[in-house]
Amino acid sequence: MRSIRKIVLIGLGVLAVVAVLAVGFWVYAVSNVEQPKYALVTQDGLIEIRDYPALVVAEVTRQGDRNAAVRAGFGPLAGYIFAKNRGGDSVSMTAPVMQERQTIAMTAPVTQTPSVGGAGQSWTIRFVMPAKYTLETLPRAAGDDVRLLQLPPARRAAIRFSGVATDALITSKEAALRAWLASRNITALGAPTYAYYNDPFTPGPLRRNEVMFDVKGP
């Protein structure tokens, strides 16, 4: 009986060490992936106002629900940065992968906000290019599917959260960010951007996700 207890304790100890090593590897891997630099304007818990410089991005547009669109957009963007469908050198992977719902100009007021996961929507999926590149120095994309462009400098509000980014979780965090902005008389501009910092194999509690709005106001 005592030997069985000893074996169980040793096994638990080994599992704890493996868990610590796995977390350490994840932290190391994430910290070594380039992310866009920004200036922090203000912070309130998990909500931040940030000033971003101009960002060079590669983007594609896909239709469908949120999950289907980001999966469909990831392939051609990965093909571009890893030089699978063009000549030239590969481009380093960065984080996050960004997804934005496309809006359509209307002639009458919109009275209902589209659902996050709506199947009939159009989405832009973006990879931010490493800071060392400009539009002039980036390898040319093959064809017209992948577009290279520079986003202008912008002030953005972001709410950070962990977990698997389900439609329900994103909706709740987007609502929380909208409420926080409204309470401070800060105007959200345009559609939200959803940012995913990790691969699909990262456990939910270790994932970093964000909902962001371009903003104006005090």
N, C-alpha and C. Protein backbone atom coordinates (compact mmCIF):
# COMPACT_ATOMS: atom_id res chain seq x y z
N MET A 1 0.84 -1.21 0.00
CA MET A 1 0.00 0.00 0.00
C MET A 1 0.86 1.25 0.00
N ARG A 2 1.89 1.21 0.85
CA ARG A 2 2.79 2.37 0.92
C ARG A 2 3.53 2.58 -0.39
N SER A 3 3.91 1.48 -1.05
CA SER A 3 4.63 1.59 -2.33
C SER A 3 3.73 2.16 -3.42
N ILE A 4 2.44 1.78 -3.39
CA ILE A 4 1.49 2.32 -4.37
C ILE A 4 1.34 3.82 -4.18
N ARG A 5 1.23 4.23 -2.90
CA ARG A 5 1.10 5.66 -2.62
C ARG A 5 2.34 6.42 -3.09
N LYS A 6 3.50 5.81 -2.92
CA LYS A 6 4.74 6.45 -3.36
C LYS A 6 4.77 6.61 -4.87
N ILE A 7 4.32 5.55 -5.57
CA ILE A 7 4.29 5.62 -7.04
C ILE A 7 3.33 6.71 -7.51
N VAL A 8 2.17 6.81 -6.83
CA VAL A 8 1.19 7.85 -7.20
C VAL A 8 1.77 9.23 -6.99
N LEU A 9 2.45 9.43 -5.85
CA LEU A 9 3.05 10.73 -5.57
C LEU A 9 4.13 11.08 -6.58
N ILE A 10 4.92 10.07 -6.96
CA ILE A 10 5.96 10.32 -7.97
C ILE A 10 5.31 10.68 -9.30
N GLY A 11 4.25 9.96 -9.64
CA GLY A 11 3.55 10.25 -10.90
C GLY A 11 2.99 11.66 -10.92
N LEU A 12 2.37 12.07 -9.80
CA LEU A 12 1.83 13.42 -9.72
C LEU A 12 2.93 14.46 -9.81
N GLY A 13 4.07 14.16 -9.20
CA GLY A 13 5.20 15.08 -9.28
C GLY A 13 5.70 15.24 -10.69
N VAL A 14 5.78 14.12 -11.42
CA VAL A 14 6.22 14.17 -12.82
C VAL A 14 5.24 14.99 -13.65
N LEU A 15 3.94 14.77 -13.44
CA LEU A 15 2.93 15.53 -14.18
C LEU A 15 3.03 17.02 -13.88
N ALA A 16 3.31 17.38 -12.63
CA ALA A 16 3.45 18.79 -12.27
C ALA A 16 4.64 19.41 -12.97
N VAL A 17 5.75 18.66 -13.02
CA VAL A 17 6.94 19.18 -13.71
C VAL A 17 6.66 19.37 -15.18
N VAL A 18 5.99 18.38 -15.80
CA VAL A 18 5.66 18.49 -17.22
C VAL A 18 4.77 19.70 -17.47
N ALA A 19 3.79 19.92 -16.58
CA ALA A 19 2.89 21.07 -16.74
C ALA A 19 3.65 22.37 -16.65
N VAL A 20 4.57 22.48 -15.69
CA VAL A 20 5.37 23.70 -15.54
C VAL A 20 6.23 23.92 -16.77
N LEU A 21 6.84 22.86 -17.28
CA LEU A 21 7.68 22.99 -18.48
C LEU A 21 6.84 23.40 -19.69
N ALA A 22 5.63 22.84 -19.80
CA ALA A 22 4.76 23.20 -20.92
C ALA A 22 4.38 24.67 -20.88
N VAL A 23 4.01 25.16 -19.69
CA VAL A 23 3.67 26.58 -19.54
C VAL A 23 4.88 27.45 -19.86
N GLY A 24 6.05 27.03 -19.37
CA GLY A 24 7.27 27.80 -19.65
C GLY A 24 7.58 27.85 -21.13
N PHE A 25 7.40 26.73 -21.82
CA PHE A 25 7.64 26.70 -23.26
C PHE A 25 6.66 27.61 -23.98
N TRP A 26 5.38 27.58 -23.54
CA TRP A 26 4.38 28.43 -24.18
C TRP A 26 4.71 29.90 -23.99
N VAL A 27 5.10 30.30 -22.78
CA VAL A 27 5.47 31.69 -22.50
C VAL A 27 6.66 32.10 -23.37
N TYR A 28 7.64 31.21 -23.48
CA TYR A 28 8.82 31.50 -24.30
C TYR A 28 8.43 31.66 -25.76
N ALA A 29 7.60 30.75 -26.25
CA ALA A 29 7.22 30.79 -27.67
C ALA A 29 6.45 32.06 -27.98
N VAL A 30 5.47 32.41 -27.11
CA VAL A 30 4.66 33.61 -27.36
C VAL A 30 5.51 34.87 -27.28
N SER A 31 6.42 34.93 -26.32
CA SER A 31 7.23 36.13 -26.14
C SER A 31 8.21 36.33 -27.28
N ASN A 32 8.48 35.28 -28.07
CA ASN A 32 9.43 35.39 -29.16
C ASN A 32 8.75 35.56 -30.52
N VAL A 33 7.44 35.68 -30.54
CA VAL A 33 6.71 36.00 -31.77
C VAL A 33 6.48 37.50 -31.79
N GLU A 34 6.87 38.15 -32.87
CA GLU A 34 6.75 39.61 -32.95
C GLU A 34 5.28 40.03 -32.91
N GLN A 35 5.00 41.07 -32.15
CA GLN A 35 3.67 41.67 -32.06
C GLN A 35 3.78 43.16 -32.35
N PRO A 36 2.72 43.78 -32.86
CA PRO A 36 2.78 45.21 -33.16
C PRO A 36 3.08 46.03 -31.90
N LYS A 37 3.98 46.98 -32.04
CA LYS A 37 4.30 47.88 -30.93
C LYS A 37 3.22 48.96 -30.83
N TYR A 38 2.94 49.38 -29.62
CA TYR A 38 1.97 50.45 -29.41
C TYR A 38 2.33 51.22 -28.14
N ALA A 39 1.79 52.43 -28.03
CA ALA A 39 1.97 53.24 -26.82
C ALA A 39 0.71 53.11 -25.98
N LEU A 40 0.86 52.74 -24.71
CA LEU A 40 -0.28 52.61 -23.82
C LEU A 40 -0.74 53.98 -23.35
N VAL A 41 -2.00 54.31 -23.63
CA VAL A 41 -2.58 55.60 -23.24
C VAL A 41 -3.18 55.52 -21.84
N THR A 42 -4.01 54.50 -21.62
CA THR A 42 -4.61 54.30 -20.31
C THR A 42 -4.99 52.84 -20.16
N GLN A 43 -5.10 52.38 -18.91
CA GLN A 43 -5.44 50.99 -18.63
C GLN A 43 -6.42 50.93 -17.47
N ASP A 44 -7.41 50.06 -17.60
CA ASP A 44 -8.39 49.83 -16.54
C ASP A 44 -8.63 48.32 -16.49
N GLY A 45 -7.87 47.64 -15.67
CA GLY A 45 -7.98 46.18 -15.62
C GLY A 45 -7.52 45.58 -16.93
N LEU A 46 -8.40 44.83 -17.58
CA LEU A 46 -8.07 44.16 -18.85
C LEU A 46 -8.41 45.00 -20.07
N ILE A 47 -8.85 46.24 -19.85
CA ILE A 47 -9.16 47.15 -20.95
C ILE A 47 -8.04 48.18 -21.07
N GLU A 48 -7.61 48.42 -22.30
CA GLU A 48 -6.55 49.39 -22.57
C GLU A 48 -6.94 50.28 -23.74
N ILE A 49 -6.47 51.53 -23.68
CA ILE A 49 -6.48 52.42 -24.84
C ILE A 49 -5.04 52.49 -25.33
N ARG A 50 -4.85 52.23 -26.63
CA ARG A 50 -3.51 52.15 -27.20
C ARG A 50 -3.40 53.02 -28.44
N ASP A 51 -2.22 53.59 -28.63
CA ASP A 51 -1.92 54.30 -29.88
C ASP A 51 -0.99 53.42 -30.72
N TYR A 52 -1.49 53.02 -31.89
CA TYR A 52 -0.73 52.18 -32.80
C TYR A 52 -0.13 53.02 -33.92
N PRO A 53 1.08 52.70 -34.35
CA PRO A 53 1.62 53.35 -35.53
C PRO A 53 0.99 52.76 -36.79
N ALA A 54 1.38 53.27 -37.94
CA ALA A 54 0.94 52.65 -39.19
C ALA A 54 1.43 51.21 -39.24
N LEU A 55 0.57 50.30 -39.69
CA LEU A 55 0.91 48.87 -39.74
C LEU A 55 0.79 48.36 -41.17
N VAL A 56 1.79 47.66 -41.62
CA VAL A 56 1.75 47.01 -42.93
C VAL A 56 1.14 45.61 -42.73
N VAL A 57 0.12 45.30 -43.51
CA VAL A 57 -0.59 44.03 -43.33
C VAL A 57 -0.77 43.32 -44.66
N ALA A 58 -0.96 42.01 -44.55
CA ALA A 58 -1.46 41.20 -45.66
C ALA A 58 -2.86 40.76 -45.29
N GLU A 59 -3.81 40.85 -46.22
CA GLU A 59 -5.19 40.54 -45.88
C GLU A 59 -5.90 39.83 -47.02
N VAL A 60 -6.93 39.10 -46.64
CA VAL A 60 -7.85 38.48 -47.59
C VAL A 60 -9.26 38.71 -47.09
N THR A 61 -10.23 38.54 -47.96
CA THR A 61 -11.64 38.65 -47.59
C THR A 61 -12.31 37.30 -47.82
N ARG A 62 -13.08 36.87 -46.82
CA ARG A 62 -13.81 35.62 -46.91
C ARG A 62 -15.22 35.81 -46.38
N GLN A 63 -16.15 35.00 -46.87
CA GLN A 63 -17.54 35.06 -46.43
C GLN A 63 -17.88 33.83 -45.60
N GLY A 64 -18.94 33.96 -44.82
CA GLY A 64 -19.41 32.86 -44.00
C GLY A 64 -19.49 33.27 -42.56
N ASP A 65 -19.63 32.28 -41.67
CA ASP A 65 -19.64 32.61 -40.25
C ASP A 65 -18.21 32.92 -39.81
N ARG A 66 -18.07 33.44 -38.59
CA ARG A 66 -16.77 33.92 -38.11
C ARG A 66 -15.70 32.82 -38.15
N ASN A 67 -16.03 31.65 -37.62
CA ASN A 67 -15.06 30.56 -37.57
C ASN A 67 -14.65 30.10 -38.96
N ALA A 68 -15.63 29.91 -39.82
CA ALA A 68 -15.34 29.44 -41.17
C ALA A 68 -14.49 30.46 -41.93
N ALA A 69 -14.80 31.74 -41.74
CA ALA A 69 -14.08 32.79 -42.47
C ALA A 69 -12.62 32.86 -42.04
N VAL A 70 -12.35 32.80 -40.73
CA VAL A 70 -10.96 32.91 -40.28
C VAL A 70 -10.17 31.69 -40.70
N ARG A 71 -10.80 30.52 -40.70
CA ARG A 71 -10.09 29.31 -41.16
C ARG A 71 -9.79 29.40 -42.65
N ALA A 72 -10.77 29.89 -43.43
CA ALA A 72 -10.57 30.00 -44.87
C ALA A 72 -9.52 31.06 -45.21
N GLY A 73 -9.45 32.11 -44.40
CA GLY A 73 -8.48 33.17 -44.67
C GLY A 73 -7.08 32.83 -44.24
N PHE A 74 -6.93 31.94 -43.25
CA PHE A 74 -5.61 31.63 -42.73
C PHE A 74 -4.73 30.95 -43.78
N GLY A 75 -5.33 30.05 -44.56
CA GLY A 75 -4.55 29.29 -45.53
C GLY A 75 -3.80 30.15 -46.54
N PRO A 76 -4.48 31.02 -47.29
CA PRO A 76 -3.76 31.85 -48.26
C PRO A 76 -2.78 32.81 -47.64
N LEU A 77 -3.08 33.32 -46.43
CA LEU A 77 -2.13 34.22 -45.77
C LEU A 77 -0.88 33.46 -45.32
N ALA A 78 -1.08 32.25 -44.80
CA ALA A 78 0.08 31.42 -44.44
C ALA A 78 0.87 31.06 -45.69
N GLY A 79 0.18 30.78 -46.79
CA GLY A 79 0.86 30.49 -48.04
C GLY A 79 1.71 31.65 -48.50
N TYR A 80 1.22 32.87 -48.28
CA TYR A 80 2.00 34.04 -48.66
C TYR A 80 3.25 34.19 -47.80
N ILE A 81 3.11 34.15 -46.47
CA ILE A 81 4.28 34.43 -45.63
C ILE A 81 5.31 33.30 -45.71
N PHE A 82 4.86 32.07 -45.97
CA PHE A 82 5.81 30.96 -46.07
C PHE A 82 6.26 30.70 -47.51
N ALA A 83 5.91 31.63 -48.42
CA ALA A 83 6.37 31.59 -49.82
C ALA A 83 5.95 30.30 -50.52
N LYS A 84 4.74 29.81 -50.22
CA LYS A 84 4.26 28.59 -50.87
C LYS A 84 3.63 28.87 -52.22
N ASN A 85 3.16 30.10 -52.42
CA ASN A 85 2.48 30.41 -53.68
C ASN A 85 3.08 31.64 -54.36
N ARG A 86 4.35 31.90 -54.10
CA ARG A 86 5.05 33.03 -54.71
C ARG A 86 6.54 32.77 -54.66
N GLY A 87 7.30 33.60 -55.35
CA GLY A 87 8.74 33.53 -55.26
C GLY A 87 9.26 34.37 -54.11
N GLY A 88 10.55 34.25 -53.84
CA GLY A 88 11.17 35.07 -52.81
C GLY A 88 11.25 34.37 -51.46
N ASP A 89 11.77 35.09 -50.48
CA ASP A 89 11.96 34.53 -49.15
C ASP A 89 10.66 34.50 -48.36
N SER A 90 10.65 33.66 -47.33
CA SER A 90 9.51 33.63 -46.43
C SER A 90 9.54 34.84 -45.50
N VAL A 91 8.41 35.11 -44.88
CA VAL A 91 8.25 36.22 -43.94
C VAL A 91 7.92 35.63 -42.58
N SER A 92 8.52 36.15 -41.53
CA SER A 92 8.29 35.61 -40.19
C SER A 92 6.83 35.76 -39.78
N MET A 93 6.33 34.75 -39.08
CA MET A 93 4.98 34.79 -38.52
C MET A 93 4.93 35.77 -37.37
N THR A 94 3.85 36.52 -37.27
CA THR A 94 3.64 37.45 -36.16
C THR A 94 2.31 37.13 -35.48
N ALA A 95 2.01 37.82 -34.42
CA ALA A 95 0.72 37.71 -33.74
C ALA A 95 0.22 39.12 -33.46
N PRO A 96 -1.09 39.32 -33.46
CA PRO A 96 -2.15 38.33 -33.61
C PRO A 96 -2.61 38.18 -35.05
N VAL A 97 -3.46 37.15 -35.28
CA VAL A 97 -4.27 37.11 -36.49
C VAL A 97 -5.49 37.98 -36.21
N MET A 98 -5.80 38.88 -37.12
CA MET A 98 -6.87 39.85 -36.89
C MET A 98 -8.02 39.61 -37.86
N GLN A 99 -9.23 39.76 -37.36
CA GLN A 99 -10.43 39.52 -38.15
C GLN A 99 -11.41 40.67 -37.93
N GLU A 100 -11.93 41.20 -39.03
CA GLU A 100 -12.84 42.34 -38.94
C GLU A 100 -14.04 42.12 -39.84
N ARG A 101 -15.23 42.34 -39.30
CA ARG A 101 -16.45 42.22 -40.09
C ARG A 101 -16.55 43.39 -41.06
N GLN A 102 -16.89 43.10 -42.31
CA GLN A 102 -17.06 44.16 -43.29
C GLN A 102 -18.45 44.78 -43.15
N THR A 103 -18.51 46.10 -43.22
CA THR A 103 -19.78 46.80 -43.13
C THR A 103 -20.20 47.27 -44.51
N ILE A 104 -21.51 47.35 -44.71
CA ILE A 104 -22.07 47.79 -45.99
C ILE A 104 -22.84 49.08 -45.76
N ALA A 105 -22.56 50.07 -46.59
CA ALA A 105 -23.24 51.36 -46.44
C ALA A 105 -24.74 51.19 -46.67
N MET A 106 -25.54 51.80 -45.80
CA MET A 106 -27.00 51.70 -45.88
C MET A 106 -27.59 53.09 -46.08
N THR A 107 -28.78 53.14 -46.69
CA THR A 107 -29.46 54.42 -46.89
C THR A 107 -30.45 54.71 -45.78
N ALA A 108 -30.65 53.78 -44.86
CA ALA A 108 -31.55 53.97 -43.73
C ALA A 108 -30.84 53.54 -42.47
N PRO A 109 -31.29 54.02 -41.31
CA PRO A 109 -30.61 53.64 -40.07
C PRO A 109 -30.65 52.13 -39.85
N VAL A 110 -29.55 51.60 -39.34
CA VAL A 110 -29.50 50.18 -38.98
C VAL A 110 -29.99 50.06 -37.55
N THR A 111 -30.97 49.21 -37.32
CA THR A 111 -31.57 49.11 -36.00
C THR A 111 -31.13 47.86 -35.25
N GLN A 112 -30.34 47.01 -35.90
CA GLN A 112 -29.91 45.78 -35.24
C GLN A 112 -28.45 45.52 -35.57
N THR A 113 -27.65 45.19 -34.56
CA THR A 113 -26.25 44.87 -34.77
C THR A 113 -26.13 43.43 -35.25
N PRO A 114 -25.38 43.16 -36.35
CA PRO A 114 -25.23 41.78 -36.83
C PRO A 114 -24.61 40.91 -35.75
N SER A 115 -25.01 39.65 -35.72
CA SER A 115 -24.44 38.72 -34.75
C SER A 115 -22.99 38.44 -35.10
N VAL A 116 -22.19 38.09 -34.08
CA VAL A 116 -20.77 37.83 -34.29
C VAL A 116 -20.55 36.71 -35.29
N GLY A 117 -21.34 35.65 -35.19
CA GLY A 117 -21.07 34.47 -36.01
C GLY A 117 -21.96 34.34 -37.22
N GLY A 118 -22.57 35.43 -37.69
CA GLY A 118 -23.52 35.35 -38.78
C GLY A 118 -22.96 34.69 -40.03
N ALA A 119 -23.73 33.74 -40.61
CA ALA A 119 -23.22 32.93 -41.72
C ALA A 119 -23.12 33.72 -43.02
N GLY A 120 -23.90 34.78 -43.18
CA GLY A 120 -23.91 35.49 -44.45
C GLY A 120 -23.00 36.69 -44.50
N GLN A 121 -22.08 36.83 -43.57
CA GLN A 121 -21.27 38.03 -43.48
C GLN A 121 -19.96 37.90 -44.25
N SER A 122 -19.36 39.05 -44.52
CA SER A 122 -18.07 39.12 -45.17
C SER A 122 -17.05 39.62 -44.16
N TRP A 123 -15.86 38.98 -44.14
CA TRP A 123 -14.84 39.27 -43.15
C TRP A 123 -13.50 39.53 -43.81
N THR A 124 -12.73 40.44 -43.22
CA THR A 124 -11.33 40.63 -43.61
C THR A 124 -10.45 39.97 -42.56
N ILE A 125 -9.54 39.13 -43.00
CA ILE A 125 -8.59 38.46 -42.11
C ILE A 125 -7.21 39.00 -42.44
N ARG A 126 -6.44 39.40 -41.39
CA ARG A 126 -5.17 40.08 -41.60
C ARG A 126 -4.05 39.44 -40.81
N PHE A 127 -2.87 39.40 -41.42
CA PHE A 127 -1.60 39.17 -40.71
C PHE A 127 -0.86 40.50 -40.72
N VAL A 128 -0.38 40.95 -39.57
CA VAL A 128 0.48 42.12 -39.52
C VAL A 128 1.90 41.70 -39.90
N MET A 129 2.50 42.43 -40.79
CA MET A 129 3.84 42.10 -41.24
C MET A 129 4.89 42.55 -40.21
N PRO A 130 6.04 41.86 -40.15
CA PRO A 130 7.11 42.30 -39.24
C PRO A 130 7.48 43.76 -39.48
N ALA A 131 7.86 44.46 -38.42
CA ALA A 131 8.09 45.91 -38.49
C ALA A 131 9.21 46.29 -39.44
N LYS A 132 10.11 45.37 -39.76
CA LYS A 132 11.24 45.70 -40.63
C LYS A 132 10.81 45.91 -42.08
N TYR A 133 9.58 45.50 -42.43
CA TYR A 133 9.15 45.59 -43.82
C TYR A 133 8.34 46.87 -44.08
N THR A 134 8.43 47.34 -45.31
CA THR A 134 7.54 48.36 -45.84
C THR A 134 6.80 47.74 -47.02
N LEU A 135 5.84 48.46 -47.57
CA LEU A 135 5.15 47.94 -48.76
C LEU A 135 6.12 47.73 -49.91
N GLU A 136 7.15 48.54 -49.94
CA GLU A 136 8.11 48.45 -51.03
C GLU A 136 9.06 47.25 -50.89
N THR A 137 9.35 46.86 -49.65
CA THR A 137 10.32 45.78 -49.44
C THR A 137 9.68 44.41 -49.24
N LEU A 138 8.37 44.35 -49.08
CA LEU A 138 7.71 43.06 -48.93
C LEU A 138 7.71 42.31 -50.25
N PRO A 139 7.83 40.98 -50.22
CA PRO A 139 7.66 40.19 -51.46
C PRO A 139 6.27 40.41 -52.03
N ARG A 140 6.18 40.44 -53.36
CA ARG A 140 4.89 40.63 -54.00
C ARG A 140 4.02 39.39 -53.84
N ALA A 141 2.74 39.61 -53.63
CA ALA A 141 1.80 38.49 -53.54
C ALA A 141 1.48 37.97 -54.93
N ALA A 142 1.21 36.67 -55.02
CA ALA A 142 0.83 36.07 -56.29
C ALA A 142 -0.68 36.22 -56.48
N GLY A 143 -1.10 36.88 -57.55
CA GLY A 143 -2.53 37.06 -57.80
C GLY A 143 -3.12 38.19 -56.97
N ASP A 144 -4.44 38.26 -56.98
CA ASP A 144 -5.15 39.37 -56.33
C ASP A 144 -5.81 38.97 -55.02
N ASP A 145 -5.71 37.71 -54.64
CA ASP A 145 -6.43 37.26 -53.45
C ASP A 145 -5.83 37.87 -52.18
N VAL A 146 -4.51 37.81 -52.05
CA VAL A 146 -3.83 38.39 -50.89
C VAL A 146 -3.46 39.82 -51.23
N ARG A 147 -3.92 40.76 -50.44
CA ARG A 147 -3.66 42.18 -50.66
C ARG A 147 -2.66 42.68 -49.62
N LEU A 148 -1.72 43.50 -50.05
CA LEU A 148 -0.75 44.13 -49.17
C LEU A 148 -1.08 45.62 -49.07
N LEU A 149 -1.21 46.15 -47.86
CA LEU A 149 -1.54 47.55 -47.69
C LEU A 149 -1.03 48.04 -46.34
N GLN A 150 -1.06 49.34 -46.16
CA GLN A 150 -0.64 49.96 -44.91
C GLN A 150 -1.84 50.58 -44.22
N LEU A 151 -2.11 50.15 -42.99
CA LEU A 151 -3.16 50.77 -42.18
C LEU A 151 -2.62 52.04 -41.55
N PRO A 152 -3.41 53.10 -41.49
CA PRO A 152 -2.93 54.36 -40.91
C PRO A 152 -2.78 54.24 -39.40
N PRO A 153 -2.02 55.14 -38.78
CA PRO A 153 -1.95 55.17 -37.31
C PRO A 153 -3.35 55.31 -36.73
N ALA A 154 -3.56 54.68 -35.57
CA ALA A 154 -4.92 54.70 -34.99
C ALA A 154 -4.84 54.54 -33.48
N ARG A 155 -5.83 55.15 -32.81
CA ARG A 155 -6.03 54.90 -31.38
C ARG A 155 -7.08 53.81 -31.25
N ARG A 156 -6.76 52.77 -30.48
CA ARG A 156 -7.64 51.62 -30.36
C ARG A 156 -7.88 51.28 -28.90
N ALA A 157 -9.13 50.90 -28.62
CA ALA A 157 -9.48 50.35 -27.32
C ALA A 157 -9.50 48.84 -27.45
N ALA A 158 -8.97 48.14 -26.45
CA ALA A 158 -8.90 46.68 -26.50
C ALA A 158 -9.28 46.10 -25.15
N ILE A 159 -10.02 44.99 -25.20
CA ILE A 159 -10.29 44.22 -23.99
C ILE A 159 -9.67 42.84 -24.19
N ARG A 160 -8.89 42.43 -23.24
CA ARG A 160 -8.15 41.17 -23.33
C ARG A 160 -8.87 40.09 -22.53
N PHE A 161 -8.85 38.86 -23.07
CA PHE A 161 -9.49 37.74 -22.36
C PHE A 161 -8.86 36.43 -22.82
N SER A 162 -8.96 35.43 -21.96
CA SER A 162 -8.44 34.11 -22.28
C SER A 162 -9.59 33.18 -22.64
N GLY A 163 -9.26 31.94 -22.94
CA GLY A 163 -10.27 30.96 -23.28
C GLY A 163 -10.39 30.74 -24.77
N VAL A 164 -11.15 29.71 -25.15
CA VAL A 164 -11.45 29.47 -26.56
C VAL A 164 -12.42 30.55 -27.02
N ALA A 165 -12.08 31.21 -28.12
CA ALA A 165 -12.85 32.38 -28.56
C ALA A 165 -14.13 31.95 -29.28
N THR A 166 -15.12 31.56 -28.50
CA THR A 166 -16.43 31.23 -29.05
C THR A 166 -17.20 32.49 -29.38
N ASP A 167 -18.25 32.34 -30.18
CA ASP A 167 -19.08 33.50 -30.51
C ASP A 167 -19.68 34.13 -29.25
N ALA A 168 -20.13 33.28 -28.32
CA ALA A 168 -20.75 33.79 -27.09
C ALA A 168 -19.74 34.56 -26.25
N LEU A 169 -18.51 34.05 -26.13
CA LEU A 169 -17.51 34.75 -25.33
C LEU A 169 -17.12 36.07 -25.98
N ILE A 170 -16.94 36.07 -27.29
CA ILE A 170 -16.59 37.30 -27.99
C ILE A 170 -17.71 38.33 -27.85
N THR A 171 -18.96 37.89 -27.99
CA THR A 171 -20.10 38.81 -27.86
C THR A 171 -20.13 39.46 -26.49
N SER A 172 -19.87 38.68 -25.45
CA SER A 172 -19.91 39.24 -24.09
C SER A 172 -18.78 40.24 -23.87
N LYS A 173 -17.60 39.95 -24.39
CA LYS A 173 -16.47 40.87 -24.22
C LYS A 173 -16.65 42.13 -25.06
N GLU A 174 -17.21 41.97 -26.25
CA GLU A 174 -17.50 43.15 -27.08
C GLU A 174 -18.51 44.06 -26.38
N ALA A 175 -19.54 43.47 -25.78
CA ALA A 175 -20.54 44.27 -25.06
C ALA A 175 -19.91 44.98 -23.87
N ALA A 176 -19.02 44.29 -23.16
CA ALA A 176 -18.35 44.91 -22.00
C ALA A 176 -17.48 46.09 -22.44
N LEU A 177 -16.79 45.93 -23.56
CA LEU A 177 -15.94 47.02 -24.05
C LEU A 177 -16.80 48.20 -24.51
N ARG A 178 -17.89 47.92 -25.22
CA ARG A 178 -18.78 49.00 -25.66
C ARG A 178 -19.33 49.77 -24.44
N ALA A 179 -19.71 49.05 -23.40
CA ALA A 179 -20.26 49.70 -22.21
C ALA A 179 -19.19 50.56 -21.53
N TRP A 180 -17.97 50.06 -21.45
CA TRP A 180 -16.87 50.82 -20.85
C TRP A 180 -16.61 52.10 -21.64
N LEU A 181 -16.61 52.01 -22.95
CA LEU A 181 -16.38 53.19 -23.79
C LEU A 181 -17.51 54.20 -23.62
N ALA A 182 -18.75 53.71 -23.61
CA ALA A 182 -19.90 54.61 -23.48
C ALA A 182 -19.86 55.34 -22.14
N SER A 183 -19.44 54.66 -21.08
CA SER A 183 -19.40 55.28 -19.76
C SER A 183 -18.37 56.40 -19.68
N ARG A 184 -17.45 56.42 -20.62
CA ARG A 184 -16.39 57.44 -20.63
C ARG A 184 -16.51 58.38 -21.83
N ASN A 185 -17.66 58.34 -22.50
CA ASN A 185 -17.92 59.21 -23.66
C ASN A 185 -16.86 59.05 -24.74
N ILE A 186 -16.42 57.82 -24.95
CA ILE A 186 -15.46 57.52 -26.01
C ILE A 186 -16.22 56.83 -27.13
N THR A 187 -16.07 57.34 -28.34
CA THR A 187 -16.83 56.85 -29.48
C THR A 187 -16.08 55.73 -30.19
N ALA A 188 -16.74 54.59 -30.35
CA ALA A 188 -16.18 53.49 -31.13
C ALA A 188 -16.42 53.75 -32.61
N LEU A 189 -15.40 53.56 -33.41
CA LEU A 189 -15.48 53.83 -34.85
C LEU A 189 -15.48 52.52 -35.62
N GLY A 190 -16.52 52.33 -36.44
CA GLY A 190 -16.53 51.17 -37.31
C GLY A 190 -16.78 49.87 -36.57
N ALA A 191 -16.50 48.78 -37.28
CA ALA A 191 -16.74 47.43 -36.74
C ALA A 191 -15.60 47.03 -35.81
N PRO A 192 -15.87 46.12 -34.88
CA PRO A 192 -14.79 45.64 -34.01
C PRO A 192 -13.82 44.75 -34.76
N THR A 193 -12.61 44.68 -34.24
CA THR A 193 -11.60 43.74 -34.72
C THR A 193 -11.41 42.68 -33.66
N TYR A 194 -11.37 41.41 -34.09
CA TYR A 194 -11.11 40.31 -33.18
C TYR A 194 -9.68 39.85 -33.41
N ALA A 195 -8.93 39.72 -32.33
CA ALA A 195 -7.50 39.39 -32.43
C ALA A 195 -7.22 38.09 -31.69
N TYR A 196 -6.56 37.16 -32.39
CA TYR A 196 -6.25 35.85 -31.83
C TYR A 196 -4.72 35.69 -31.82
N TYR A 197 -4.15 35.44 -30.65
CA TYR A 197 -2.70 35.45 -30.50
C TYR A 197 -2.07 34.06 -30.51
N ASN A 198 -2.87 33.00 -30.48
CA ASN A 198 -2.31 31.67 -30.31
C ASN A 198 -2.81 30.70 -31.37
N ASP A 199 -2.08 29.59 -31.51
CA ASP A 199 -2.51 28.55 -32.44
C ASP A 199 -3.65 27.75 -31.81
N PRO A 200 -4.36 26.95 -32.63
CA PRO A 200 -5.53 26.21 -32.10
C PRO A 200 -5.17 25.14 -31.08
N PHE A 201 -3.89 24.78 -30.96
CA PHE A 201 -3.50 23.72 -30.04
C PHE A 201 -3.18 24.24 -28.64
N THR A 202 -3.15 25.56 -28.48
CA THR A 202 -2.89 26.14 -27.16
C THR A 202 -4.11 25.93 -26.27
N PRO A 203 -3.92 25.40 -25.05
CA PRO A 203 -5.07 25.22 -24.15
C PRO A 203 -5.80 26.53 -23.90
N GLY A 204 -7.13 26.44 -23.76
CA GLY A 204 -7.94 27.64 -23.61
C GLY A 204 -7.48 28.61 -22.54
N PRO A 205 -7.14 28.13 -21.33
CA PRO A 205 -6.73 29.08 -20.28
C PRO A 205 -5.46 29.84 -20.60
N LEU A 206 -4.65 29.32 -21.53
CA LEU A 206 -3.39 29.98 -21.88
C LEU A 206 -3.52 30.88 -23.11
N ARG A 207 -4.68 30.90 -23.71
CA ARG A 207 -4.85 31.69 -24.93
C ARG A 207 -5.06 33.17 -24.60
N ARG A 208 -4.60 34.01 -25.52
CA ARG A 208 -4.85 35.44 -25.44
C ARG A 208 -5.71 35.85 -26.63
N ASN A 209 -6.83 36.48 -26.35
CA ASN A 209 -7.72 37.02 -27.37
C ASN A 209 -8.03 38.47 -27.01
N GLU A 210 -8.44 39.24 -28.01
CA GLU A 210 -8.84 40.62 -27.75
C GLU A 210 -9.97 41.01 -28.70
N VAL A 211 -10.84 41.89 -28.22
CA VAL A 211 -11.75 42.64 -29.07
C VAL A 211 -11.26 44.07 -29.06
N MET A 212 -11.15 44.69 -30.24
CA MET A 212 -10.62 46.04 -30.36
C MET A 212 -11.56 46.92 -31.20
N PHE A 213 -11.60 48.19 -30.84
CA PHE A 213 -12.29 49.21 -31.63
C PHE A 213 -11.32 50.36 -31.90
N ASP A 214 -11.33 50.89 -33.11
CA ASP A 214 -10.75 52.21 -33.31
C ASP A 214 -11.67 53.20 -32.58
N VAL A 215 -11.08 54.20 -31.93
CA VAL A 215 -11.89 55.10 -31.10
C VAL A 215 -11.49 56.55 -31.31
N LYS A 216 -12.40 57.42 -30.91
CA LYS A 216 -12.08 58.84 -30.76
C LYS A 216 -12.80 59.32 -29.52
N GLY A 217 -12.32 60.34 -28.91
CA GLY A 217 -12.94 60.85 -27.69
C GLY A 217 -11.90 61.13 -26.63
N PRO A 218 -12.33 61.59 -25.47
CA PRO A 218 -11.37 61.98 -24.41
C PRO A 218 -10.62 60.79 -23.86
